[in-house]
Amino acid sequence: PAQLLEYLQGHLMYLAEAHGLDIFLCCGYHLMNLRLKFLW
């Protein structure tokens, strides 16, 4: 769903600003993998 993706993007951007880009990339990668597993 588009709303879920928008929420995830907003949350990940918040994490990026709060904790730094490296953690953002790592967590974002794992979150997207988890979401894809659940969505499909």
N, C-alpha and C. Protein backbone atom coordinates (compact mmCIF):
# COMPACT_ATOMS: atom_id res chain seq x y z
N PRO A 1 0.82 -1.22 0.00
CA PRO A 1 0.00 0.00 0.00
C PRO A 1 0.85 1.27 0.00
N ALA A 2 0.39 2.26 -0.72
CA ALA A 2 1.17 3.49 -0.86
C ALA A 2 1.34 4.18 0.49
N GLN A 3 0.30 4.18 1.31
CA GLN A 3 0.38 4.88 2.60
C GLN A 3 1.45 4.25 3.48
N LEU A 4 1.56 2.93 3.45
CA LEU A 4 2.58 2.24 4.25
C LEU A 4 3.97 2.64 3.79
N LEU A 5 4.17 2.71 2.48
CA LEU A 5 5.48 3.10 1.96
C LEU A 5 5.81 4.54 2.35
N GLU A 6 4.81 5.42 2.28
CA GLU A 6 5.06 6.81 2.67
C GLU A 6 5.44 6.89 4.14
N TYR A 7 4.74 6.11 4.98
CA TYR A 7 5.05 6.10 6.41
C TYR A 7 6.47 5.60 6.64
N LEU A 8 6.84 4.52 5.97
CA LEU A 8 8.18 3.96 6.13
C LEU A 8 9.24 4.95 5.68
N GLN A 9 9.01 5.60 4.56
CA GLN A 9 10.00 6.55 4.07
C GLN A 9 10.18 7.69 5.06
N GLY A 10 9.06 8.19 5.60
CA GLY A 10 9.14 9.27 6.57
C GLY A 10 9.88 8.84 7.83
N HIS A 11 9.59 7.62 8.30
CA HIS A 11 10.23 7.11 9.50
C HIS A 11 11.72 6.91 9.26
N LEU A 12 12.08 6.38 8.10
CA LEU A 12 13.48 6.14 7.79
C LEU A 12 14.24 7.46 7.67
N MET A 13 13.60 8.47 7.08
CA MET A 13 14.26 9.76 6.98
C MET A 13 14.50 10.35 8.36
N TYR A 14 13.52 10.16 9.26
CA TYR A 14 13.69 10.63 10.63
C TYR A 14 14.87 9.92 11.29
N LEU A 15 14.98 8.61 11.10
CA LEU A 15 16.08 7.86 11.67
C LEU A 15 17.41 8.34 11.08
N ALA A 16 17.40 8.64 9.80
CA ALA A 16 18.64 9.09 9.15
C ALA A 16 19.14 10.38 9.81
N GLU A 17 18.22 11.31 10.07
CA GLU A 17 18.62 12.57 10.68
C GLU A 17 19.03 12.37 12.13
N ALA A 18 18.36 11.43 12.81
CA ALA A 18 18.59 11.26 14.24
C ALA A 18 19.86 10.45 14.53
N HIS A 19 20.14 9.45 13.70
CA HIS A 19 21.19 8.49 14.05
C HIS A 19 22.33 8.41 13.05
N GLY A 20 22.16 9.03 11.89
CA GLY A 20 23.24 9.01 10.93
C GLY A 20 22.93 8.11 9.73
N LEU A 21 23.59 8.40 8.62
CA LEU A 21 23.26 7.76 7.36
C LEU A 21 23.57 6.27 7.34
N ASP A 22 24.67 5.86 7.98
CA ASP A 22 25.05 4.45 7.96
C ASP A 22 23.96 3.58 8.58
N ILE A 23 23.48 3.99 9.75
CA ILE A 23 22.43 3.23 10.42
C ILE A 23 21.15 3.27 9.58
N PHE A 24 20.89 4.41 8.97
CA PHE A 24 19.70 4.55 8.11
C PHE A 24 19.74 3.55 6.97
N LEU A 25 20.89 3.46 6.31
CA LEU A 25 21.00 2.54 5.17
C LEU A 25 20.83 1.10 5.62
N CYS A 26 21.46 0.74 6.73
CA CYS A 26 21.39 -0.62 7.23
C CYS A 26 19.96 -0.97 7.62
N CYS A 27 19.35 -0.14 8.44
CA CYS A 27 17.99 -0.42 8.90
C CYS A 27 17.00 -0.36 7.75
N GLY A 28 17.17 0.58 6.85
CA GLY A 28 16.26 0.70 5.72
C GLY A 28 16.29 -0.55 4.85
N TYR A 29 17.50 -1.08 4.64
CA TYR A 29 17.64 -2.29 3.84
C TYR A 29 16.90 -3.46 4.48
N HIS A 30 17.10 -3.64 5.79
CA HIS A 30 16.45 -4.75 6.48
C HIS A 30 14.94 -4.56 6.57
N LEU A 31 14.50 -3.32 6.80
CA LEU A 31 13.07 -3.05 6.89
C LEU A 31 12.38 -3.35 5.56
N MET A 32 13.00 -2.93 4.46
CA MET A 32 12.39 -3.18 3.16
C MET A 32 12.30 -4.68 2.89
N ASN A 33 13.34 -5.43 3.26
CA ASN A 33 13.29 -6.88 3.08
C ASN A 33 12.16 -7.49 3.89
N LEU A 34 12.00 -7.05 5.14
CA LEU A 34 10.93 -7.57 5.97
C LEU A 34 9.57 -7.23 5.39
N ARG A 35 9.41 -6.00 4.95
CA ARG A 35 8.11 -5.57 4.42
C ARG A 35 7.77 -6.36 3.16
N LEU A 36 8.77 -6.58 2.31
CA LEU A 36 8.51 -7.34 1.09
C LEU A 36 8.10 -8.77 1.42
N LYS A 37 8.74 -9.36 2.42
CA LYS A 37 8.37 -10.73 2.81
C LYS A 37 6.93 -10.78 3.29
N PHE A 38 6.51 -9.78 4.05
CA PHE A 38 5.15 -9.80 4.58
C PHE A 38 4.12 -9.43 3.51
N LEU A 39 4.50 -8.51 2.61
CA LEU A 39 3.54 -8.06 1.60
C LEU A 39 3.29 -9.12 0.54
N TRP A 40 4.34 -9.85 0.17
CA TRP A 40 4.16 -10.83 -0.91
C TRP A 40 3.74 -12.15 -0.33
